[in-house]
Amino acid sequence: MGKPITGRIVSSGFRPAWWLRSAHLQTIWPSLLRPRRPLEVGWERLELSDGDFIDLAWRRSQGPRVLVIHGLEGSLESHYAFALLRALEQAGFCPVFMHLRGCGREPNRLARSYHSGATEDLAEVLQQLEARGERPDALIGISLGGNLLLKYLGEQGAEALTRTAVAISVPFQLKTACRHMQQGVSRIYGRYLLDKLTRSYRAKFRDREAPLDIRLEEIRSIYEFDDRITAPLNGFEDAEDYYQRCSCSGYLKDVLTPTLILHARDDPLMTPEVVPGAEQLGPGITLELSAGGGHVGFIGGPVPGFPRYWLEQRICEYLSQQLLKPDCGSPAERLPGSEG
């Protein structure tokens, strides 16, 4: 028998700015200091078959459609959102931003909300868009959205409703990522995200009866939040069951869609050990690894105070190769990303 066909791992051309070399600076800078320059968007509410809804924000421009999926507690207000939509539009694409269940302009109707493995929601959105002739040509998933995207692609195999995909700063193993955010400096991120999760839970059940008998002030970590809230609200036995069933690492080998994963080895929200090896990757995947870049950071630039946001450049470059330049060769023949 021949050697099994797998994906590949390549070294990224990205180099962190010398004045933002730290993984923590790479992660924190865009969240705190990157200007938000809003774009006008057209809002659309898609009704789901279970009685809930998903909010989409469209830029109705010309070109291949690209659907963007945010990370944990993300939205159109996330630091990367408007900049990525603007970059995609300028590169010749029609971007649409998908707010996961409960992350749109108002709380969702049902007790359940989004989670890292809710691929049924993504599948239903894509099916609805497909039915009206607006299937996205590409999908982009960021952090939790990247885990969700890769799980969907693995589940669907050749039936995935897209031509190509990009996943960024993916928590490949959810349990490891959550445990890591309880240790050392990374506890800052764990505390920040837990505060956002608990605020969202309170806001959702401010004017209706909460389905769980819990005291939010007793929850000290994302792991405890997932164990006591995420898991029971979404049909999992506990956090362990949730993490085991929803981590994308178990689905990567079945990804056939041409997919670029951008990841930094120094991502402070997880450990380097979660990064999969080539033997774990399906034939559609190219995993582009950089030594630095933090979590959804990837900031270059030689002049202090004048950052260059490499992610948008690399994403648009890849999607242009896949969707706008059909003569560029197969994914396996293309070179890694350009310098930061």
C-alpha atoms as a PDB file:
ATOM      1  CA  MET A   1       0.000   0.000   0.000  1.00  0.00           C
ATOM      2  CA  GLY A   2       1.161   3.553  -0.728  1.00  0.00           C
ATOM      3  CA  LYS A   3       1.787   6.220   1.828  1.00  0.00           C
ATOM      4  CA  PRO A   4      -1.466   7.904   3.013  1.00  0.00           C
ATOM      5  CA  ILE A   5      -2.100  11.313   1.479  1.00  0.00           C
ATOM      6  CA  THR A   6      -1.886  14.029   4.125  1.00  0.00           C
ATOM      7  CA  GLY A   7      -1.729  17.782   4.289  1.00  0.00           C
ATOM      8  CA  ARG A   8       1.491  19.691   4.632  1.00  0.00           C
ATOM      9  CA  ILE A   9       3.230  22.038   7.031  1.00  0.00           C
ATOM     10  CA  VAL A  10       5.191  25.035   5.740  1.00  0.00           C
ATOM     11  CA  SER A  11       7.152  27.818   7.396  1.00  0.00           C
ATOM     12  CA  SER A  12       5.549  31.241   7.236  1.00  0.00           C
ATOM     13  CA  GLY A  13       7.281  34.256   5.781  1.00  0.00           C
ATOM     14  CA  PHE A  14       5.856  36.398   8.607  1.00  0.00           C
ATOM     15  CA  ARG A  15       8.311  38.078  10.975  1.00  0.00           C
ATOM     16  CA  PRO A  16       7.040  39.993  14.023  1.00  0.00           C
ATOM     17  CA  ALA A  17       7.884  43.676  14.292  1.00  0.00           C
ATOM     18  CA  TRP A  18      11.057  43.997  16.369  1.00  0.00           C
ATOM     19  CA  TRP A  19       9.263  46.397  18.683  1.00  0.00           C
ATOM     20  CA  LEU A  20       6.344  43.949  19.163  1.00  0.00           C
ATOM     21  CA  ARG A  21       8.291  40.720  19.338  1.00  0.00           C
ATOM     22  CA  SER A  22       6.558  39.403  22.464  1.00  0.00           C
ATOM     23  CA  ALA A  23       3.604  37.046  21.910  1.00  0.00           C
ATOM     24  CA  HIS A  24       1.626  39.040  24.469  1.00  0.00           C
ATOM     25  CA  LEU A  25       2.300  42.351  22.725  1.00  0.00           C
ATOM     26  CA  GLN A  26       1.324  40.787  19.399  1.00  0.00           C
ATOM     27  CA  THR A  27      -1.951  39.617  20.956  1.00  0.00           C
ATOM     28  CA  ILE A  28      -2.846  42.701  22.985  1.00  0.00           C
ATOM     29  CA  TRP A  29      -1.783  45.517  20.632  1.00  0.00           C
ATOM     30  CA  PRO A  30      -4.559  45.171  18.021  1.00  0.00           C
ATOM     31  CA  SER A  31      -7.235  44.647  20.650  1.00  0.00           C
ATOM     32  CA  LEU A  32      -6.328  47.775  22.597  1.00  0.00           C
ATOM     33  CA  LEU A  33      -4.631  50.091  20.121  1.00  0.00           C
ATOM     34  CA  ARG A  34      -5.833  49.290  16.614  1.00  0.00           C
ATOM     35  CA  PRO A  35      -8.286  51.964  15.429  1.00  0.00           C
ATOM     36  CA  ARG A  36     -11.772  50.707  14.562  1.00  0.00           C
ATOM     37  CA  ARG A  37     -12.898  52.223  11.272  1.00  0.00           C
ATOM     38  CA  PRO A  38     -16.494  51.059  10.799  1.00  0.00           C
ATOM     39  CA  LEU A  39     -17.978  50.198   7.439  1.00  0.00           C
ATOM     40  CA  GLU A  40     -21.603  50.477   6.472  1.00  0.00           C
ATOM     41  CA  VAL A  41     -23.098  46.988   6.317  1.00  0.00           C
ATOM     42  CA  GLY A  42     -26.433  45.545   5.362  1.00  0.00           C
ATOM     43  CA  TRP A  43     -27.942  43.406   8.116  1.00  0.00           C
ATOM     44  CA  GLU A  44     -29.826  40.214   7.431  1.00  0.00           C
ATOM     45  CA  ARG A  45     -31.472  37.824   9.884  1.00  0.00           C
ATOM     46  CA  LEU A  46     -31.587  34.161   8.894  1.00  0.00           C
ATOM     47  CA  GLU A  47     -34.231  32.128  10.681  1.00  0.00           C
ATOM     48  CA  LEU A  48     -33.057  28.696  11.822  1.00  0.00           C
ATOM     49  CA  SER A  49     -35.113  25.518  11.746  1.00  0.00           C
ATOM     50  CA  ASP A  50     -35.200  25.277  15.558  1.00  0.00           C
ATOM     51  CA  GLY A  51     -36.818  28.716  15.933  1.00  0.00           C
ATOM     52  CA  ASP A  52     -33.633  30.675  16.606  1.00  0.00           C
ATOM     53  CA  PHE A  53     -31.750  33.029  14.274  1.00  0.00           C
ATOM     54  CA  ILE A  54     -28.340  34.054  12.943  1.00  0.00           C
ATOM     55  CA  ASP A  55     -27.413  37.652  12.060  1.00  0.00           C
ATOM     56  CA  LEU A  56     -25.315  38.326   8.949  1.00  0.00           C
ATOM     57  CA  ALA A  57     -23.636  41.633   8.070  1.00  0.00           C
ATOM     58  CA  TRP A  58     -23.031  42.086   4.335  1.00  0.00           C
ATOM     59  CA  ARG A  59     -20.846  44.301   2.205  1.00  0.00           C
ATOM     60  CA  ARG A  60     -22.670  43.931  -1.093  1.00  0.00           C
ATOM     61  CA  SER A  61     -19.651  44.363  -3.339  1.00  0.00           C
ATOM     62  CA  GLN A  62     -18.650  42.526  -6.491  1.00  0.00           C
ATOM     63  CA  GLY A  63     -16.551  39.377  -6.565  1.00  0.00           C
ATOM     64  CA  PRO A  64     -16.470  35.944  -4.952  1.00  0.00           C
ATOM     65  CA  ARG A  65     -18.366  35.771  -1.666  1.00  0.00           C
ATOM     66  CA  VAL A  66     -16.320  35.262   1.519  1.00  0.00           C
ATOM     67  CA  LEU A  67     -18.021  34.433   4.840  1.00  0.00           C
ATOM     68  CA  VAL A  68     -16.139  35.378   8.031  1.00  0.00           C
ATOM     69  CA  ILE A  69     -16.756  33.605  11.391  1.00  0.00           C
ATOM     70  CA  HIS A  70     -15.578  35.344  14.563  1.00  0.00           C
ATOM     71  CA  GLY A  71     -13.987  33.996  17.728  1.00  0.00           C
ATOM     72  CA  LEU A  72     -15.124  33.555  21.329  1.00  0.00           C
ATOM     73  CA  GLU A  73     -17.428  36.442  22.319  1.00  0.00           C
ATOM     74  CA  GLY A  74     -16.572  38.120  19.031  1.00  0.00           C
ATOM     75  CA  SER A  75     -18.728  40.277  16.785  1.00  0.00           C
ATOM     76  CA  LEU A  76     -18.464  42.972  14.157  1.00  0.00           C
ATOM     77  CA  GLU A  77     -16.878  45.074  16.924  1.00  0.00           C
ATOM     78  CA  SER A  78     -13.872  42.731  17.231  1.00  0.00           C
ATOM     79  CA  HIS A  79     -10.565  44.380  16.387  1.00  0.00           C
ATOM     80  CA  TYR A  80     -10.070  42.340  13.219  1.00  0.00           C
ATOM     81  CA  ALA A  81     -13.616  42.553  11.834  1.00  0.00           C
ATOM     82  CA  PHE A  82     -13.942  45.817   9.909  1.00  0.00           C
ATOM     83  CA  ALA A  83     -10.308  45.768   8.801  1.00  0.00           C
ATOM     84  CA  LEU A  84     -10.683  42.282   7.345  1.00  0.00           C
ATOM     85  CA  LEU A  85     -13.959  43.122   5.603  1.00  0.00           C
ATOM     86  CA  ARG A  86     -12.383  46.246   4.127  1.00  0.00           C
ATOM     87  CA  ALA A  87      -9.297  44.352   2.947  1.00  0.00           C
ATOM     88  CA  LEU A  88     -11.402  41.629   1.349  1.00  0.00           C
ATOM     89  CA  GLU A  89     -13.540  44.156  -0.486  1.00  0.00           C
ATOM     90  CA  GLN A  90     -10.500  46.073  -1.736  1.00  0.00           C
ATOM     91  CA  ALA A  91      -8.999  42.787  -2.970  1.00  0.00           C
ATOM     92  CA  GLY A  92     -12.058  42.061  -5.099  1.00  0.00           C
ATOM     93  CA  PHE A  93     -14.285  39.990  -2.837  1.00  0.00           C
ATOM     94  CA  CYS A  94     -17.808  40.296  -1.444  1.00  0.00           C
ATOM     95  CA  PRO A  95     -17.463  39.801   2.346  1.00  0.00           C
ATOM     96  CA  VAL A  96     -20.197  38.767   4.763  1.00  0.00           C
ATOM     97  CA  PHE A  97     -19.736  38.541   8.543  1.00  0.00           C
ATOM     98  CA  MET A  98     -21.579  35.727  10.328  1.00  0.00           C
ATOM     99  CA  HIS A  99     -22.504  36.376  13.959  1.00  0.00           C
ATOM    100  CA  LEU A 100     -22.724  33.080  15.780  1.00  0.00           C
ATOM    101  CA  ARG A 101     -25.951  32.315  17.632  1.00  0.00           C
ATOM    102  CA  GLY A 102     -26.377  34.886  20.404  1.00  0.00           C
ATOM    103  CA  CYS A 103     -23.577  37.219  19.231  1.00  0.00           C
ATOM    104  CA  GLY A 104     -25.643  39.409  16.919  1.00  0.00           C
ATOM    105  CA  ARG A 105     -27.464  42.627  17.631  1.00  0.00           C
ATOM    106  CA  GLU A 106     -29.581  41.083  20.387  1.00  0.00           C
ATOM    107  CA  PRO A 107     -29.576  37.868  22.451  1.00  0.00           C
ATOM    108  CA  ASN A 108     -30.806  34.758  20.701  1.00  0.00           C
ATOM    109  CA  ARG A 109     -34.226  33.319  21.524  1.00  0.00           C
ATOM    110  CA  LEU A 110     -33.383  29.849  22.806  1.00  0.00           C
ATOM    111  CA  ALA A 111     -31.637  28.967  26.058  1.00  0.00           C
ATOM    112  CA  ARG A 112     -28.713  27.464  24.142  1.00  0.00           C
ATOM    113  CA  SER A 113     -26.153  29.708  22.501  1.00  0.00           C
ATOM    114  CA  TYR A 114     -23.136  29.236  20.252  1.00  0.00           C
ATOM    115  CA  HIS A 115     -20.185  27.003  21.086  1.00  0.00           C
ATOM    116  CA  SER A 116     -16.937  25.774  19.528  1.00  0.00           C
ATOM    117  CA  GLY A 117     -18.508  22.796  17.791  1.00  0.00           C
ATOM    118  CA  ALA A 118     -21.934  24.074  16.688  1.00  0.00           C
ATOM    119  CA  THR A 119     -21.360  23.095  13.066  1.00  0.00           C
ATOM    120  CA  GLU A 120     -25.072  22.490  12.550  1.00  0.00           C
ATOM    121  CA  ASP A 121     -25.572  26.271  12.616  1.00  0.00           C
ATOM    122  CA  LEU A 122     -22.846  26.888  10.036  1.00  0.00           C
ATOM    123  CA  ALA A 123     -24.207  24.073   7.869  1.00  0.00           C
ATOM    124  CA  GLU A 124     -27.731  25.512   7.961  1.00  0.00           C
ATOM    125  CA  VAL A 125     -26.540  29.021   7.099  1.00  0.00           C
ATOM    126  CA  LEU A 126     -24.570  27.673   4.136  1.00  0.00           C
ATOM    127  CA  GLN A 127     -27.515  25.574   2.990  1.00  0.00           C
ATOM    128  CA  GLN A 128     -29.807  28.607   3.065  1.00  0.00           C
ATOM    129  CA  LEU A 129     -27.317  30.691   1.101  1.00  0.00           C
ATOM    130  CA  GLU A 130     -26.807  27.831  -1.349  1.00  0.00           C
ATOM    131  CA  ALA A 131     -30.555  27.514  -1.924  1.00  0.00           C
ATOM    132  CA  ARG A 132     -30.808  31.141  -3.061  1.00  0.00           C
ATOM    133  CA  GLY A 133     -27.650  31.099  -5.178  1.00  0.00           C
ATOM    134  CA  GLU A 134     -25.383  32.929  -2.727  1.00  0.00           C
ATOM    135  CA  ARG A 135     -23.147  30.147  -1.471  1.00  0.00           C
ATOM    136  CA  PRO A 136     -19.819  31.552  -0.209  1.00  0.00           C
ATOM    137  CA  ASP A 137     -16.796  30.740  -2.321  1.00  0.00           C
ATOM    138  CA  ALA A 138     -14.596  30.915   0.774  1.00  0.00           C
ATOM    139  CA  LEU A 139     -14.950  30.624   4.537  1.00  0.00           C
ATOM    140  CA  ILE A 140     -12.699  32.307   7.112  1.00  0.00           C
ATOM    141  CA  GLY A 141     -12.718  31.212  10.763  1.00  0.00           C
ATOM    142  CA  ILE A 142     -10.910  33.090  13.523  1.00  0.00           C
ATOM    143  CA  SER A 143      -9.917  31.384  16.798  1.00  0.00           C
ATOM    144  CA  LEU A 144     -13.087  29.604  18.040  1.00  0.00           C
ATOM    145  CA  GLY A 145     -14.538  30.277  14.590  1.00  0.00           C
ATOM    146  CA  GLY A 146     -11.534  28.497  13.121  1.00  0.00           C
ATOM    147  CA  ASN A 147     -12.164  25.429  15.274  1.00  0.00           C
ATOM    148  CA  LEU A 148     -15.810  25.474  14.193  1.00  0.00           C
ATOM    149  CA  LEU A 149     -14.835  25.843  10.524  1.00  0.00           C
ATOM    150  CA  LEU A 150     -12.303  23.003  10.543  1.00  0.00           C
ATOM    151  CA  LYS A 151     -14.728  20.689  12.340  1.00  0.00           C
ATOM    152  CA  TYR A 152     -17.370  21.482   9.695  1.00  0.00           C
ATOM    153  CA  LEU A 153     -14.945  20.817   6.830  1.00  0.00           C
ATOM    154  CA  GLY A 154     -13.887  17.508   8.365  1.00  0.00           C
ATOM    155  CA  GLU A 155     -17.458  16.403   8.943  1.00  0.00           C
ATOM    156  CA  GLN A 156     -18.547  17.301   5.414  1.00  0.00           C
ATOM    157  CA  GLY A 157     -15.517  16.104   3.479  1.00  0.00           C
ATOM    158  CA  ALA A 158     -16.171  16.474  -0.250  1.00  0.00           C
ATOM    159  CA  GLU A 159     -19.687  17.812   0.482  1.00  0.00           C
ATOM    160  CA  ALA A 160     -18.523  21.026   2.182  1.00  0.00           C
ATOM    161  CA  LEU A 161     -20.377  24.016   0.725  1.00  0.00           C
ATOM    162  CA  THR A 162     -17.378  26.160  -0.172  1.00  0.00           C
ATOM    163  CA  ARG A 163     -14.437  26.159  -2.548  1.00  0.00           C
ATOM    164  CA  THR A 164     -11.701  27.102  -0.094  1.00  0.00           C
ATOM    165  CA  ALA A 165     -11.133  28.165   3.531  1.00  0.00           C
ATOM    166  CA  VAL A 166      -8.765  29.951   5.920  1.00  0.00           C
ATOM    167  CA  ALA A 167      -8.496  29.268   9.673  1.00  0.00           C
ATOM    168  CA  ILE A 168      -6.539  31.559  12.019  1.00  0.00           C
ATOM    169  CA  SER A 169      -5.103  30.960  15.519  1.00  0.00           C
ATOM    170  CA  VAL A 170      -7.129  27.792  16.049  1.00  0.00           C
ATOM    171  CA  PRO A 171      -7.425  26.175  19.530  1.00  0.00           C
ATOM    172  CA  PHE A 172      -6.988  22.682  18.070  1.00  0.00           C
ATOM    173  CA  GLN A 173      -7.520  20.993  21.453  1.00  0.00           C
ATOM    174  CA  LEU A 174     -10.109  22.858  23.493  1.00  0.00           C
ATOM    175  CA  LYS A 175      -9.325  21.289  26.866  1.00  0.00           C
ATOM    176  CA  THR A 176      -5.609  22.075  26.587  1.00  0.00           C
ATOM    177  CA  ALA A 177      -6.343  25.669  25.599  1.00  0.00           C
ATOM    178  CA  CYS A 178      -8.754  26.189  28.498  1.00  0.00           C
ATOM    179  CA  ARG A 179      -6.371  24.631  31.016  1.00  0.00           C
ATOM    180  CA  HIS A 180      -3.486  26.729  29.678  1.00  0.00           C
ATOM    181  CA  MET A 181      -5.476  29.923  30.296  1.00  0.00           C
ATOM    182  CA  GLN A 182      -5.526  29.011  33.998  1.00  0.00           C
ATOM    183  CA  GLN A 183      -1.727  29.188  34.216  1.00  0.00           C
ATOM    184  CA  GLY A 184       0.879  31.935  34.392  1.00  0.00           C
ATOM    185  CA  VAL A 185       0.468  35.120  32.399  1.00  0.00           C
ATOM    186  CA  SER A 186      -2.147  33.445  30.195  1.00  0.00           C
ATOM    187  CA  ARG A 187      -4.580  33.727  33.099  1.00  0.00           C
ATOM    188  CA  ILE A 188      -5.065  37.337  31.938  1.00  0.00           C
ATOM    189  CA  TYR A 189      -6.745  36.072  28.759  1.00  0.00           C
ATOM    190  CA  GLY A 190      -8.754  33.472  30.623  1.00  0.00           C
ATOM    191  CA  ARG A 191     -10.084  36.067  33.055  1.00  0.00           C
ATOM    192  CA  TYR A 192     -10.863  38.534  30.263  1.00  0.00           C
ATOM    193  CA  LEU A 193     -12.808  35.971  28.229  1.00  0.00           C
ATOM    194  CA  LEU A 194     -14.600  34.589  31.281  1.00  0.00           C
ATOM    195  CA  ASP A 195     -15.768  38.099  32.205  1.00  0.00           C
ATOM    196  CA  LYS A 196     -17.191  38.528  28.698  1.00  0.00           C
ATOM    197  CA  LEU A 197     -18.931  35.145  28.833  1.00  0.00           C
ATOM    198  CA  THR A 198     -20.548  35.835  32.183  1.00  0.00           C
ATOM    199  CA  ARG A 199     -21.669  39.326  31.107  1.00  0.00           C
ATOM    200  CA  SER A 200     -23.299  37.840  28.017  1.00  0.00           C
ATOM    201  CA  TYR A 201     -25.046  35.187  30.122  1.00  0.00           C
ATOM    202  CA  ARG A 202     -26.386  37.804  32.524  1.00  0.00           C
ATOM    203  CA  ALA A 203     -27.563  40.037  29.682  1.00  0.00           C
ATOM    204  CA  LYS A 204     -29.339  37.168  27.973  1.00  0.00           C
ATOM    205  CA  PHE A 205     -31.293  36.132  31.050  1.00  0.00           C
ATOM    206  CA  ARG A 206     -31.867  39.585  32.506  1.00  0.00           C
ATOM    207  CA  ASP A 207     -35.517  39.622  31.409  1.00  0.00           C
ATOM    208  CA  ARG A 208     -36.307  35.911  31.325  1.00  0.00           C
ATOM    209  CA  GLU A 209     -35.873  32.975  33.627  1.00  0.00           C
ATOM    210  CA  ALA A 210     -32.457  31.330  33.490  1.00  0.00           C
ATOM    211  CA  PRO A 211     -32.624  27.572  32.846  1.00  0.00           C
ATOM    212  CA  LEU A 212     -29.750  26.692  35.193  1.00  0.00           C
ATOM    213  CA  ASP A 213     -29.514  27.012  38.971  1.00  0.00           C
ATOM    214  CA  ILE A 214     -26.009  28.473  39.213  1.00  0.00           C
ATOM    215  CA  ARG A 215     -24.197  31.337  40.897  1.00  0.00           C
ATOM    216  CA  LEU A 216     -22.037  33.044  38.275  1.00  0.00           C
ATOM    217  CA  GLU A 217     -19.772  34.583  40.889  1.00  0.00           C
ATOM    218  CA  GLU A 218     -18.671  31.076  41.886  1.00  0.00           C
ATOM    219  CA  ILE A 219     -17.354  30.275  38.396  1.00  0.00           C
ATOM    220  CA  ARG A 220     -13.608  30.901  38.356  1.00  0.00           C
ATOM    221  CA  SER A 221     -12.465  29.719  34.913  1.00  0.00           C
ATOM    222  CA  ILE A 222     -13.606  29.074  31.361  1.00  0.00           C
ATOM    223  CA  TYR A 223     -13.398  25.355  32.134  1.00  0.00           C
ATOM    224  CA  GLU A 224     -15.909  25.779  34.959  1.00  0.00           C
ATOM    225  CA  PHE A 225     -18.119  27.949  32.733  1.00  0.00           C
ATOM    226  CA  ASP A 226     -18.124  25.260  30.052  1.00  0.00           C
ATOM    227  CA  ASP A 227     -18.715  22.517  32.605  1.00  0.00           C
ATOM    228  CA  ARG A 228     -21.638  24.242  34.343  1.00  0.00           C
ATOM    229  CA  ILE A 229     -23.172  26.274  31.507  1.00  0.00           C
ATOM    230  CA  THR A 230     -21.953  25.510  27.966  1.00  0.00           C
ATOM    231  CA  ALA A 231     -22.181  21.734  28.326  1.00  0.00           C
ATOM    232  CA  PRO A 232     -25.669  21.378  29.889  1.00  0.00           C
ATOM    233  CA  LEU A 233     -27.213  24.050  27.663  1.00  0.00           C
ATOM    234  CA  ASN A 234     -25.962  22.322  24.528  1.00  0.00           C
ATOM    235  CA  GLY A 235     -26.544  18.655  25.263  1.00  0.00           C
ATOM    236  CA  PHE A 236     -23.099  17.598  26.504  1.00  0.00           C
ATOM    237  CA  GLU A 237     -22.510  15.571  29.673  1.00  0.00           C
ATOM    238  CA  ASP A 238     -19.833  17.921  30.998  1.00  0.00           C
ATOM    239  CA  ALA A 239     -16.859  20.000  29.875  1.00  0.00           C
ATOM    240  CA  GLU A 240     -14.789  16.879  29.171  1.00  0.00           C
ATOM    241  CA  ASP A 241     -17.474  15.526  26.845  1.00  0.00           C
ATOM    242  CA  TYR A 242     -17.836  18.911  25.166  1.00  0.00           C
ATOM    243  CA  TYR A 243     -14.113  19.330  24.550  1.00  0.00           C
ATOM    244  CA  GLN A 244     -13.660  15.767  23.309  1.00  0.00           C
ATOM    245  CA  ARG A 245     -16.539  15.968  20.829  1.00  0.00           C
ATOM    246  CA  CYS A 246     -15.933  19.501  19.597  1.00  0.00           C
ATOM    247  CA  SER A 247     -12.151  19.907  19.303  1.00  0.00           C
ATOM    248  CA  CYS A 248     -11.304  20.140  15.619  1.00  0.00           C
ATOM    249  CA  SER A 249      -8.145  18.045  16.058  1.00  0.00           C
ATOM    250  CA  GLY A 250     -10.233  14.899  15.635  1.00  0.00           C
ATOM    251  CA  TYR A 251     -11.634  16.084  12.297  1.00  0.00           C
ATOM    252  CA  LEU A 252      -8.577  17.490  10.529  1.00  0.00           C
ATOM    253  CA  LYS A 253      -7.628  14.272   8.718  1.00  0.00           C
ATOM    254  CA  ASP A 254     -10.930  14.348   6.816  1.00  0.00           C
ATOM    255  CA  VAL A 255     -10.586  17.896   5.452  1.00  0.00           C
ATOM    256  CA  LEU A 256     -10.546  17.770   1.649  1.00  0.00           C
ATOM    257  CA  THR A 257     -11.361  21.419   0.878  1.00  0.00           C
ATOM    258  CA  PRO A 258      -8.253  23.507   0.045  1.00  0.00           C
ATOM    259  CA  THR A 259      -7.644  25.138   3.429  1.00  0.00           C
ATOM    260  CA  LEU A 260      -4.921  27.410   4.774  1.00  0.00           C
ATOM    261  CA  ILE A 261      -4.321  27.409   8.537  1.00  0.00           C
ATOM    262  CA  LEU A 262      -2.284  30.344   9.883  1.00  0.00           C
ATOM    263  CA  HIS A 263      -0.820  29.733  13.321  1.00  0.00           C
ATOM    264  CA  ALA A 264       1.956  31.090  15.541  1.00  0.00           C
ATOM    265  CA  ARG A 265       3.923  28.692  17.719  1.00  0.00           C
ATOM    266  CA  ASP A 266       4.010  31.299  20.487  1.00  0.00           C
ATOM    267  CA  ASP A 267       0.207  31.715  20.650  1.00  0.00           C
ATOM    268  CA  PRO A 268      -0.279  32.565  24.356  1.00  0.00           C
ATOM    269  CA  LEU A 269      -3.807  31.115  24.517  1.00  0.00           C
ATOM    270  CA  MET A 270      -2.521  27.576  24.003  1.00  0.00           C
ATOM    271  CA  THR A 271       0.634  25.469  24.060  1.00  0.00           C
ATOM    272  CA  PRO A 272       2.843  24.527  21.090  1.00  0.00           C
ATOM    273  CA  GLU A 273       1.971  20.881  21.739  1.00  0.00           C
ATOM    274  CA  VAL A 274      -1.564  21.353  20.374  1.00  0.00           C
ATOM    275  CA  VAL A 275      -0.250  22.090  16.880  1.00  0.00           C
ATOM    276  CA  PRO A 276      -0.986  19.019  14.746  1.00  0.00           C
ATOM    277  CA  GLY A 277       1.622  17.110  12.792  1.00  0.00           C
ATOM    278  CA  ALA A 278       1.392  16.555   9.046  1.00  0.00           C
ATOM    279  CA  GLU A 279       0.067  13.036   9.602  1.00  0.00           C
ATOM    280  CA  GLN A 280      -2.980  14.511  11.356  1.00  0.00           C
ATOM    281  CA  LEU A 281      -3.879  16.813   8.467  1.00  0.00           C
ATOM    282  CA  GLY A 282      -6.251  15.976   5.661  1.00  0.00           C
ATOM    283  CA  PRO A 283      -5.056  16.356   2.069  1.00  0.00           C
ATOM    284  CA  GLY A 284      -6.760  19.743   1.709  1.00  0.00           C
ATOM    285  CA  ILE A 285      -4.808  21.429   4.509  1.00  0.00           C
ATOM    286  CA  THR A 286      -1.720  23.608   4.387  1.00  0.00           C
ATOM    287  CA  LEU A 287      -0.649  24.558   7.910  1.00  0.00           C
ATOM    288  CA  GLU A 288       1.493  27.687   7.735  1.00  0.00           C
ATOM    289  CA  LEU A 289       3.461  28.102  10.951  1.00  0.00           C
ATOM    290  CA  SER A 290       5.378  31.119  12.157  1.00  0.00           C
ATOM    291  CA  ALA A 291       7.636  31.281  15.199  1.00  0.00           C
ATOM    292  CA  GLY A 292       5.932  34.456  16.427  1.00  0.00           C
ATOM    293  CA  GLY A 293       2.681  36.316  15.958  1.00  0.00           C
ATOM    294  CA  GLY A 294       0.695  35.682  19.127  1.00  0.00           C
ATOM    295  CA  HIS A 295      -3.067  35.089  18.949  1.00  0.00           C
ATOM    296  CA  VAL A 296      -4.739  36.777  15.950  1.00  0.00           C
ATOM    297  CA  GLY A 297      -1.866  39.268  16.003  1.00  0.00           C
ATOM    298  CA  PHE A 298       0.729  38.833  13.245  1.00  0.00           C
ATOM    299  CA  ILE A 299       1.919  42.440  13.310  1.00  0.00           C
ATOM    300  CA  GLY A 300       4.982  43.434  11.303  1.00  0.00           C
ATOM    301  CA  GLY A 301       6.574  46.733  10.393  1.00  0.00           C
ATOM    302  CA  PRO A 302      10.044  48.238  10.920  1.00  0.00           C
ATOM    303  CA  VAL A 303       8.957  51.564  12.441  1.00  0.00           C
ATOM    304  CA  PRO A 304       7.689  51.677  16.059  1.00  0.00           C
ATOM    305  CA  GLY A 305       4.099  52.867  16.258  1.00  0.00           C
ATOM    306  CA  PHE A 306       3.390  52.124  12.584  1.00  0.00           C
ATOM    307  CA  PRO A 307       2.218  48.509  12.520  1.00  0.00           C
ATOM    308  CA  ARG A 308       1.640  46.447   9.409  1.00  0.00           C
ATOM    309  CA  TYR A 309      -1.209  44.009   9.866  1.00  0.00           C
ATOM    310  CA  TRP A 310       0.020  40.964   7.954  1.00  0.00           C
ATOM    311  CA  LEU A 311      -3.055  38.763   8.430  1.00  0.00           C
ATOM    312  CA  GLU A 312      -5.274  40.667   5.999  1.00  0.00           C
ATOM    313  CA  GLN A 313      -2.485  40.722   3.413  1.00  0.00           C
ATOM    314  CA  ARG A 314      -1.869  36.986   3.659  1.00  0.00           C
ATOM    315  CA  ILE A 315      -5.557  36.048   3.643  1.00  0.00           C
ATOM    316  CA  CYS A 316      -6.282  38.149   0.563  1.00  0.00           C
ATOM    317  CA  GLU A 317      -3.182  36.817  -1.170  1.00  0.00           C
ATOM    318  CA  TYR A 318      -4.243  33.235  -0.581  1.00  0.00           C
ATOM    319  CA  LEU A 319      -7.871  33.770  -1.577  1.00  0.00           C
ATOM    320  CA  SER A 320      -6.784  35.612  -4.711  1.00  0.00           C
ATOM    321  CA  GLN A 321      -4.672  32.600  -5.687  1.00  0.00           C
ATOM    322  CA  GLN A 322      -7.564  30.256  -5.043  1.00  0.00           C
ATOM    323  CA  LEU A 323     -10.467  32.240  -6.488  1.00  0.00           C
ATOM    324  CA  LEU A 324      -9.218  35.014  -8.762  1.00  0.00           C
ATOM    325  CA  LYS A 325      -6.134  33.474 -10.387  1.00  0.00           C
ATOM    326  CA  PRO A 326      -6.987  29.930 -11.515  1.00  0.00           C
ATOM    327  CA  ASP A 327      -3.689  29.587 -13.355  1.00  0.00           C
ATOM    328  CA  CYS A 328      -1.555  29.828 -10.210  1.00  0.00           C
ATOM    329  CA  GLY A 329      -1.230  26.052  -9.867  1.00  0.00           C
ATOM    330  CA  SER A 330      -2.491  23.634  -7.240  1.00  0.00           C
ATOM    331  CA  PRO A 331      -2.306  24.515  -3.526  1.00  0.00           C
ATOM    332  CA  ALA A 332       0.600  22.091  -3.099  1.00  0.00           C
ATOM    333  CA  GLU A 333       2.627  24.010  -5.719  1.00  0.00           C
ATOM    334  CA  ARG A 334       2.244  27.451  -4.174  1.00  0.00           C
ATOM    335  CA  LEU A 335       4.816  29.135  -2.027  1.00  0.00           C
ATOM    336  CA  PRO A 336       4.375  30.118   1.641  1.00  0.00           C
ATOM    337  CA  GLY A 337       3.281  33.610   2.587  1.00  0.00           C
ATOM    338  CA  SER A 338       5.154  36.807   1.995  1.00  0.00           C
ATOM    339  CA  GLU A 339       7.249  38.698   4.504  1.00  0.00           C
ATOM    340  CA  GLY A 340       5.639  40.739   7.283  1.00  0.00           C
END
